[in-house]
Amino acid sequence: MAIRITCAKCGAVYKVSDDKAGSKGKCKCGALIPVPRPRAVQPAGHEQEERGGDEAEAHIELATALYEQGKVDEAIAEYKKAVAISPDYALVYHYRLGLALDDQGRSDEAIAEYQKAIAINPDDADVHTALALALDDQGRSDEAIAEYKKSIAINPDDGPIHACLGLALHKQGKPDEAVTEYEKAIAIDRDDDGTHWNLAIAYWELNRYAEAKQAAEATVRLDPTNAEAPEMIEELEAEGY
């Protein structure tokens, strides 16, 4: 007999054999999915609740397909139906609904959905990141920085989030703090040309010119199309760096 499981992060649905009951599977998105043990016969109320969960999952599957087809309005409608039917499954629904709303530029509504998802599970780094990005886009930098830091506390090895936090701090006029995050991001992913360039700019602002030149040179190696980095290198070489 197959057991149906749903990823709480991305909404993917799988069927696994019943000998996997009580273990954990791994989704293609990287999330772990608990495989429930077969349930004993439940009273009528429980059967109705399970049917509601199945119906909600059907809506989320349809919403995901619509979202991937670019039919965002229709996907949003299906996500909302899923949440209305089964609030207990709400983490994935609120998160994916938030992403769909974000795609439409409806950031206030997206932020509200991400906050609902975090209220259900405050330990999901991806939701904190999505919320941080939405807040950052609105210019709510203090709140965004707080969310980036929460995401990093949960998953400290996520280079792009260190880079995002660095950029948010940089935009606040804190190049020294930004450098710390840029350096962490590059330690995780040395091929991130954008972060090498941001690091070069931050070093320049801090009068750390030799390091700025090195970061600019790394930028050119990784992204030969960057027109500003060679100019920085030329100017610094003229100054003897």
C-alpha atoms as a PDB file:
ATOM      1  CA  MET A   1       0.000   0.000   0.000  1.00  0.00           C
ATOM      2  CA  ALA A   2       1.332   3.463  -0.879  1.00  0.00           C
ATOM      3  CA  ILE A   3       1.412   6.372   1.559  1.00  0.00           C
ATOM      4  CA  ARG A   4       0.878   9.853   0.152  1.00  0.00           C
ATOM      5  CA  ILE A   5       3.103  12.594   1.562  1.00  0.00           C
ATOM      6  CA  THR A   6       3.278  16.326   0.844  1.00  0.00           C
ATOM      7  CA  CYS A   7       6.327  18.568   1.218  1.00  0.00           C
ATOM      8  CA  ALA A   8       5.520  21.363   3.668  1.00  0.00           C
ATOM      9  CA  LYS A   9       7.978  23.684   1.917  1.00  0.00           C
ATOM     10  CA  CYS A  10       7.299  23.425  -1.818  1.00  0.00           C
ATOM     11  CA  GLY A  11       4.002  21.523  -2.007  1.00  0.00           C
ATOM     12  CA  ALA A  12       5.375  18.567  -3.996  1.00  0.00           C
ATOM     13  CA  VAL A  13       3.387  15.352  -3.532  1.00  0.00           C
ATOM     14  CA  TYR A  14       4.914  11.866  -3.433  1.00  0.00           C
ATOM     15  CA  LYS A  15       3.739   8.304  -2.918  1.00  0.00           C
ATOM     16  CA  VAL A  16       6.015   6.006  -0.916  1.00  0.00           C
ATOM     17  CA  SER A  17       5.679   2.393   0.101  1.00  0.00           C
ATOM     18  CA  ASP A  18       4.229   1.668   3.524  1.00  0.00           C
ATOM     19  CA  ASP A  19       7.506   0.117   4.701  1.00  0.00           C
ATOM     20  CA  LYS A  20       8.804   3.723   4.878  1.00  0.00           C
ATOM     21  CA  ALA A  21       6.201   4.622   7.532  1.00  0.00           C
ATOM     22  CA  GLY A  22       7.704   6.409  10.509  1.00  0.00           C
ATOM     23  CA  SER A  23      10.799   7.487   8.568  1.00  0.00           C
ATOM     24  CA  LYS A  24      11.603  10.681   6.672  1.00  0.00           C
ATOM     25  CA  GLY A  25      11.863  11.219   2.937  1.00  0.00           C
ATOM     26  CA  LYS A  26      13.747  13.994   1.171  1.00  0.00           C
ATOM     27  CA  CYS A  27      12.011  16.281  -1.300  1.00  0.00           C
ATOM     28  CA  LYS A  28      13.647  17.549  -4.500  1.00  0.00           C
ATOM     29  CA  CYS A  29      13.710  20.991  -2.830  1.00  0.00           C
ATOM     30  CA  GLY A  30      15.866  19.562  -0.035  1.00  0.00           C
ATOM     31  CA  ALA A  31      13.254  19.558   2.711  1.00  0.00           C
ATOM     32  CA  LEU A  32      12.678  16.488   4.857  1.00  0.00           C
ATOM     33  CA  ILE A  33       9.172  15.029   4.773  1.00  0.00           C
ATOM     34  CA  PRO A  34       7.937  12.862   7.666  1.00  0.00           C
ATOM     35  CA  VAL A  35       6.226   9.683   6.458  1.00  0.00           C
ATOM     36  CA  PRO A  36       3.235   9.086   8.733  1.00  0.00           C
ATOM     37  CA  ARG A  37       2.402   5.702  10.174  1.00  0.00           C
ATOM     38  CA  PRO A  38      -0.846   4.119   8.994  1.00  0.00           C
ATOM     39  CA  ARG A  39      -3.729   5.312  11.146  1.00  0.00           C
ATOM     40  CA  ALA A  40      -6.237   3.189  12.928  1.00  0.00           C
ATOM     41  CA  VAL A  41      -9.875   3.547  11.944  1.00  0.00           C
ATOM     42  CA  GLN A  42     -11.041   6.969  13.079  1.00  0.00           C
ATOM     43  CA  PRO A  43     -14.491   8.251  13.953  1.00  0.00           C
ATOM     44  CA  ALA A  44     -16.554  10.026  11.327  1.00  0.00           C
ATOM     45  CA  GLY A  45     -15.189  13.423  12.283  1.00  0.00           C
ATOM     46  CA  HIS A  46     -11.640  12.284  11.578  1.00  0.00           C
ATOM     47  CA  GLU A  47     -12.601  10.833   8.225  1.00  0.00           C
ATOM     48  CA  GLN A  48     -14.127  14.166   7.301  1.00  0.00           C
ATOM     49  CA  GLU A  49     -10.965  15.938   8.437  1.00  0.00           C
ATOM     50  CA  GLU A  50      -8.784  13.637   6.287  1.00  0.00           C
ATOM     51  CA  ARG A  51     -11.021  14.179   3.296  1.00  0.00           C
ATOM     52  CA  GLY A  52     -10.609  17.918   3.864  1.00  0.00           C
ATOM     53  CA  GLY A  53      -6.833  17.485   3.861  1.00  0.00           C
ATOM     54  CA  ASP A  54      -6.956  15.527   0.606  1.00  0.00           C
ATOM     55  CA  GLU A  55      -9.166  18.188  -0.958  1.00  0.00           C
ATOM     56  CA  ALA A  56      -6.786  20.909   0.194  1.00  0.00           C
ATOM     57  CA  GLU A  57      -3.848  19.007  -1.299  1.00  0.00           C
ATOM     58  CA  ALA A  58      -5.698  18.769  -4.601  1.00  0.00           C
ATOM     59  CA  HIS A  59      -6.101  22.548  -4.630  1.00  0.00           C
ATOM     60  CA  ILE A  60      -2.419  23.077  -3.835  1.00  0.00           C
ATOM     61  CA  GLU A  61      -1.365  20.700  -6.629  1.00  0.00           C
ATOM     62  CA  LEU A  62      -3.574  22.576  -9.082  1.00  0.00           C
ATOM     63  CA  ALA A  63      -2.314  25.933  -7.777  1.00  0.00           C
ATOM     64  CA  THR A  64       1.298  24.827  -8.203  1.00  0.00           C
ATOM     65  CA  ALA A  65       0.647  23.737 -11.796  1.00  0.00           C
ATOM     66  CA  LEU A  66      -1.098  27.025 -12.587  1.00  0.00           C
ATOM     67  CA  TYR A  67       1.699  29.014 -10.967  1.00  0.00           C
ATOM     68  CA  GLU A  68       4.319  27.214 -13.077  1.00  0.00           C
ATOM     69  CA  GLN A  69       2.249  28.003 -16.192  1.00  0.00           C
ATOM     70  CA  GLY A  70       2.314  31.698 -15.311  1.00  0.00           C
ATOM     71  CA  LYS A  71      -1.400  31.755 -14.455  1.00  0.00           C
ATOM     72  CA  VAL A  72      -0.806  33.580 -11.212  1.00  0.00           C
ATOM     73  CA  ASP A  73      -4.343  34.884 -10.608  1.00  0.00           C
ATOM     74  CA  GLU A  74      -5.811  31.403 -10.965  1.00  0.00           C
ATOM     75  CA  ALA A  75      -3.055  29.936  -8.776  1.00  0.00           C
ATOM     76  CA  ILE A  76      -3.791  32.479  -6.042  1.00  0.00           C
ATOM     77  CA  ALA A  77      -7.458  31.518  -6.090  1.00  0.00           C
ATOM     78  CA  GLU A  78      -6.544  27.838  -5.622  1.00  0.00           C
ATOM     79  CA  TYR A  79      -4.085  28.586  -2.815  1.00  0.00           C
ATOM     80  CA  LYS A  80      -6.803  30.524  -1.000  1.00  0.00           C
ATOM     81  CA  LYS A  81      -9.238  27.620  -1.365  1.00  0.00           C
ATOM     82  CA  ALA A  82      -6.654  25.271   0.136  1.00  0.00           C
ATOM     83  CA  VAL A  83      -6.096  27.518   3.145  1.00  0.00           C
ATOM     84  CA  ALA A  84      -9.824  27.896   3.711  1.00  0.00           C
ATOM     85  CA  ILE A  85     -10.355  24.122   3.658  1.00  0.00           C
ATOM     86  CA  SER A  86      -7.428  23.025   5.793  1.00  0.00           C
ATOM     87  CA  PRO A  87      -5.713  25.574   8.038  1.00  0.00           C
ATOM     88  CA  ASP A  88      -3.698  22.727   9.631  1.00  0.00           C
ATOM     89  CA  TYR A  89      -1.779  22.363   6.367  1.00  0.00           C
ATOM     90  CA  ALA A  90      -1.351  26.093   6.111  1.00  0.00           C
ATOM     91  CA  LEU A  91       2.448  26.545   6.138  1.00  0.00           C
ATOM     92  CA  VAL A  92       2.994  25.551   2.521  1.00  0.00           C
ATOM     93  CA  TYR A  93      -0.206  27.265   1.430  1.00  0.00           C
ATOM     94  CA  HIS A  94       0.586  30.622   3.027  1.00  0.00           C
ATOM     95  CA  TYR A  95       4.184  30.474   1.794  1.00  0.00           C
ATOM     96  CA  ARG A  96       3.306  29.603  -1.807  1.00  0.00           C
ATOM     97  CA  LEU A  97       0.419  32.070  -1.793  1.00  0.00           C
ATOM     98  CA  GLY A  98       2.862  34.728  -0.616  1.00  0.00           C
ATOM     99  CA  LEU A  99       5.222  33.921  -3.491  1.00  0.00           C
ATOM    100  CA  ALA A 100       2.379  34.156  -6.011  1.00  0.00           C
ATOM    101  CA  LEU A 101       1.245  37.500  -4.602  1.00  0.00           C
ATOM    102  CA  ASP A 102       4.838  38.739  -4.648  1.00  0.00           C
ATOM    103  CA  ASP A 103       5.047  37.871  -8.335  1.00  0.00           C
ATOM    104  CA  GLN A 104       2.097  40.164  -8.946  1.00  0.00           C
ATOM    105  CA  GLY A 105       3.667  43.032  -7.054  1.00  0.00           C
ATOM    106  CA  ARG A 106       1.113  42.700  -4.246  1.00  0.00           C
ATOM    107  CA  SER A 107       3.768  42.936  -1.573  1.00  0.00           C
ATOM    108  CA  ASP A 108       1.552  43.972   1.333  1.00  0.00           C
ATOM    109  CA  GLU A 109      -0.593  40.883   0.859  1.00  0.00           C
ATOM    110  CA  ALA A 110       2.486  38.708   0.323  1.00  0.00           C
ATOM    111  CA  ILE A 111       4.044  39.949   3.557  1.00  0.00           C
ATOM    112  CA  ALA A 112       0.859  39.111   5.440  1.00  0.00           C
ATOM    113  CA  GLU A 113       0.965  35.540   4.068  1.00  0.00           C
ATOM    114  CA  TYR A 114       4.628  35.061   4.961  1.00  0.00           C
ATOM    115  CA  GLN A 115       3.903  36.270   8.489  1.00  0.00           C
ATOM    116  CA  LYS A 116       1.098  33.730   8.789  1.00  0.00           C
ATOM    117  CA  ALA A 117       3.481  30.989   7.647  1.00  0.00           C
ATOM    118  CA  ILE A 118       6.096  32.070  10.205  1.00  0.00           C
ATOM    119  CA  ALA A 119       3.467  32.042  12.957  1.00  0.00           C
ATOM    120  CA  ILE A 120       2.923  28.357  12.144  1.00  0.00           C
ATOM    121  CA  ASN A 121       6.625  27.481  11.903  1.00  0.00           C
ATOM    122  CA  PRO A 122       9.112  30.154  12.978  1.00  0.00           C
ATOM    123  CA  ASP A 123      12.039  27.843  12.120  1.00  0.00           C
ATOM    124  CA  ASP A 124      11.615  27.867   8.340  1.00  0.00           C
ATOM    125  CA  ALA A 125      14.559  29.820   6.911  1.00  0.00           C
ATOM    126  CA  ASP A 126      13.054  30.091   3.428  1.00  0.00           C
ATOM    127  CA  VAL A 127       9.953  31.884   4.683  1.00  0.00           C
ATOM    128  CA  HIS A 128      12.032  34.343   6.717  1.00  0.00           C
ATOM    129  CA  THR A 129      14.073  34.989   3.562  1.00  0.00           C
ATOM    130  CA  ALA A 130      10.973  35.549   1.428  1.00  0.00           C
ATOM    131  CA  LEU A 131       9.619  37.954   4.030  1.00  0.00           C
ATOM    132  CA  ALA A 132      12.950  39.778   4.221  1.00  0.00           C
ATOM    133  CA  LEU A 133      13.082  40.225   0.452  1.00  0.00           C
ATOM    134  CA  ALA A 134       9.520  41.571   0.351  1.00  0.00           C
ATOM    135  CA  LEU A 135      10.228  44.004   3.189  1.00  0.00           C
ATOM    136  CA  ASP A 136      13.482  45.049   1.504  1.00  0.00           C
ATOM    137  CA  ASP A 137      11.616  45.803  -1.717  1.00  0.00           C
ATOM    138  CA  GLN A 138       9.322  48.109   0.255  1.00  0.00           C
ATOM    139  CA  GLY A 139      12.272  49.966   1.732  1.00  0.00           C
ATOM    140  CA  ARG A 140      11.566  48.608   5.216  1.00  0.00           C
ATOM    141  CA  SER A 141      15.244  47.921   5.734  1.00  0.00           C
ATOM    142  CA  ASP A 142      15.329  47.513   9.520  1.00  0.00           C
ATOM    143  CA  GLU A 143      12.600  44.865   9.392  1.00  0.00           C
ATOM    144  CA  ALA A 144      14.236  43.189   6.401  1.00  0.00           C
ATOM    145  CA  ILE A 145      17.592  43.008   8.161  1.00  0.00           C
ATOM    146  CA  ALA A 146      15.944  41.422  11.197  1.00  0.00           C
ATOM    147  CA  GLU A 147      14.390  38.737   8.978  1.00  0.00           C
ATOM    148  CA  TYR A 148      17.636  38.076   7.094  1.00  0.00           C
ATOM    149  CA  LYS A 149      19.344  37.553  10.455  1.00  0.00           C
ATOM    150  CA  LYS A 150      16.630  35.114  11.556  1.00  0.00           C
ATOM    151  CA  SER A 151      17.070  33.151   8.331  1.00  0.00           C
ATOM    152  CA  ILE A 152      20.840  33.022   8.805  1.00  0.00           C
ATOM    153  CA  ALA A 153      20.450  31.914  12.430  1.00  0.00           C
ATOM    154  CA  ILE A 154      18.504  28.911  11.144  1.00  0.00           C
ATOM    155  CA  ASN A 155      20.700  28.237   8.096  1.00  0.00           C
ATOM    156  CA  PRO A 156      24.102  29.915   8.506  1.00  0.00           C
ATOM    157  CA  ASP A 157      25.546  28.239   5.391  1.00  0.00           C
ATOM    158  CA  ASP A 158      23.284  30.046   2.923  1.00  0.00           C
ATOM    159  CA  GLY A 159      25.664  32.294   1.003  1.00  0.00           C
ATOM    160  CA  PRO A 160      23.055  34.311  -0.940  1.00  0.00           C
ATOM    161  CA  ILE A 161      21.307  35.339   2.285  1.00  0.00           C
ATOM    162  CA  HIS A 162      24.581  36.619   3.751  1.00  0.00           C
ATOM    163  CA  ALA A 163      24.958  38.571   0.496  1.00  0.00           C
ATOM    164  CA  CYS A 164      21.424  39.973   0.778  1.00  0.00           C
ATOM    165  CA  LEU A 165      21.997  40.971   4.398  1.00  0.00           C
ATOM    166  CA  GLY A 166      25.273  42.605   3.398  1.00  0.00           C
ATOM    167  CA  LEU A 167      23.554  44.606   0.667  1.00  0.00           C
ATOM    168  CA  ALA A 168      20.777  45.714   3.035  1.00  0.00           C
ATOM    169  CA  LEU A 169      23.369  46.895   5.572  1.00  0.00           C
ATOM    170  CA  HIS A 170      25.371  48.569   2.798  1.00  0.00           C
ATOM    171  CA  LYS A 171      22.309  50.508   1.651  1.00  0.00           C
ATOM    172  CA  GLN A 172      21.900  51.706   5.241  1.00  0.00           C
ATOM    173  CA  GLY A 173      25.362  53.259   5.094  1.00  0.00           C
ATOM    174  CA  LYS A 174      27.054  50.529   7.138  1.00  0.00           C
ATOM    175  CA  PRO A 175      29.868  49.312   4.856  1.00  0.00           C
ATOM    176  CA  ASP A 176      31.855  47.840   7.746  1.00  0.00           C
ATOM    177  CA  GLU A 177      28.985  45.524   8.715  1.00  0.00           C
ATOM    178  CA  ALA A 178      28.273  44.850   5.053  1.00  0.00           C
ATOM    179  CA  VAL A 179      31.860  43.677   4.513  1.00  0.00           C
ATOM    180  CA  THR A 180      31.450  41.043   7.217  1.00  0.00           C
ATOM    181  CA  GLU A 181      28.424  39.576   5.460  1.00  0.00           C
ATOM    182  CA  TYR A 182      29.913  39.837   1.957  1.00  0.00           C
ATOM    183  CA  GLU A 183      33.016  37.993   3.138  1.00  0.00           C
ATOM    184  CA  LYS A 184      30.882  35.240   4.659  1.00  0.00           C
ATOM    185  CA  ALA A 185      28.913  34.943   1.416  1.00  0.00           C
ATOM    186  CA  ILE A 186      32.100  34.640  -0.658  1.00  0.00           C
ATOM    187  CA  ALA A 187      33.580  32.075   1.729  1.00  0.00           C
ATOM    188  CA  ILE A 188      30.535  29.922   0.931  1.00  0.00           C
ATOM    189  CA  ASP A 189      30.391  30.704  -2.809  1.00  0.00           C
ATOM    190  CA  ARG A 190      33.603  32.087  -4.298  1.00  0.00           C
ATOM    191  CA  ASP A 191      32.015  32.388  -7.760  1.00  0.00           C
ATOM    192  CA  ASP A 192      29.470  35.039  -6.763  1.00  0.00           C
ATOM    193  CA  ASP A 193      30.682  37.893  -8.966  1.00  0.00           C
ATOM    194  CA  GLY A 194      28.015  40.343  -7.764  1.00  0.00           C
ATOM    195  CA  THR A 195      29.078  39.978  -4.153  1.00  0.00           C
ATOM    196  CA  HIS A 196      32.769  40.351  -5.073  1.00  0.00           C
ATOM    197  CA  TRP A 197      31.855  43.674  -6.706  1.00  0.00           C
ATOM    198  CA  ASN A 198      29.764  44.841  -3.761  1.00  0.00           C
ATOM    199  CA  LEU A 199      32.666  43.897  -1.506  1.00  0.00           C
ATOM    200  CA  ALA A 200      35.055  45.940  -3.671  1.00  0.00           C
ATOM    201  CA  ILE A 201      32.803  48.992  -3.319  1.00  0.00           C
ATOM    202  CA  ALA A 202      32.516  48.545   0.449  1.00  0.00           C
ATOM    203  CA  TYR A 203      36.299  48.190   0.808  1.00  0.00           C
ATOM    204  CA  TRP A 204      36.724  51.372  -1.251  1.00  0.00           C
ATOM    205  CA  GLU A 205      34.335  53.259   1.023  1.00  0.00           C
ATOM    206  CA  LEU A 206      36.334  52.071   4.035  1.00  0.00           C
ATOM    207  CA  ASN A 207      39.633  53.209   2.420  1.00  0.00           C
ATOM    208  CA  ARG A 208      40.799  49.595   2.271  1.00  0.00           C
ATOM    209  CA  TYR A 209      42.120  50.136  -1.223  1.00  0.00           C
ATOM    210  CA  ALA A 210      44.389  47.110  -1.634  1.00  0.00           C
ATOM    211  CA  GLU A 211      41.505  44.806  -0.711  1.00  0.00           C
ATOM    212  CA  ALA A 212      39.166  46.773  -2.968  1.00  0.00           C
ATOM    213  CA  LYS A 213      41.526  46.139  -5.888  1.00  0.00           C
ATOM    214  CA  GLN A 214      41.660  42.406  -5.146  1.00  0.00           C
ATOM    215  CA  ALA A 215      37.874  42.195  -4.990  1.00  0.00           C
ATOM    216  CA  ALA A 216      37.547  44.174  -8.228  1.00  0.00           C
ATOM    217  CA  GLU A 217      40.034  41.838  -9.935  1.00  0.00           C
ATOM    218  CA  ALA A 218      37.992  38.839  -8.773  1.00  0.00           C
ATOM    219  CA  THR A 219      34.916  40.529 -10.222  1.00  0.00           C
ATOM    220  CA  VAL A 220      36.562  40.912 -13.629  1.00  0.00           C
ATOM    221  CA  ARG A 221      37.672  37.271 -13.646  1.00  0.00           C
ATOM    222  CA  LEU A 222      34.145  36.093 -12.892  1.00  0.00           C
ATOM    223  CA  ASP A 223      32.272  38.700 -14.946  1.00  0.00           C
ATOM    224  CA  PRO A 224      34.279  40.200 -17.811  1.00  0.00           C
ATOM    225  CA  THR A 225      31.222  42.267 -18.805  1.00  0.00           C
ATOM    226  CA  ASN A 226      31.432  44.391 -15.643  1.00  0.00           C
ATOM    227  CA  ALA A 227      32.568  47.780 -17.005  1.00  0.00           C
ATOM    228  CA  GLU A 228      33.083  49.494 -13.648  1.00  0.00           C
ATOM    229  CA  ALA A 229      35.505  47.048 -12.064  1.00  0.00           C
ATOM    230  CA  PRO A 230      38.352  47.695 -14.578  1.00  0.00           C
ATOM    231  CA  GLU A 231      37.929  51.424 -13.981  1.00  0.00           C
ATOM    232  CA  MET A 232      38.336  50.904 -10.242  1.00  0.00           C
ATOM    233  CA  ILE A 233      41.419  48.747 -10.811  1.00  0.00           C
ATOM    234  CA  GLU A 234      42.968  51.350 -13.153  1.00  0.00           C
ATOM    235  CA  GLU A 235      42.358  54.170 -10.686  1.00  0.00           C
ATOM    236  CA  LEU A 236      43.786  52.192  -7.786  1.00  0.00           C
ATOM    237  CA  GLU A 237      46.864  51.182  -9.792  1.00  0.00           C
ATOM    238  CA  ALA A 238      47.426  54.849 -10.608  1.00  0.00           C
ATOM    239  CA  GLU A 239      47.453  55.478  -6.866  1.00  0.00           C
ATOM    240  CA  GLY A 240      50.072  52.764  -6.376  1.00  0.00           C
ATOM    241  CA  TYR A 241      47.870  49.906  -5.192  1.00  0.00           C
END
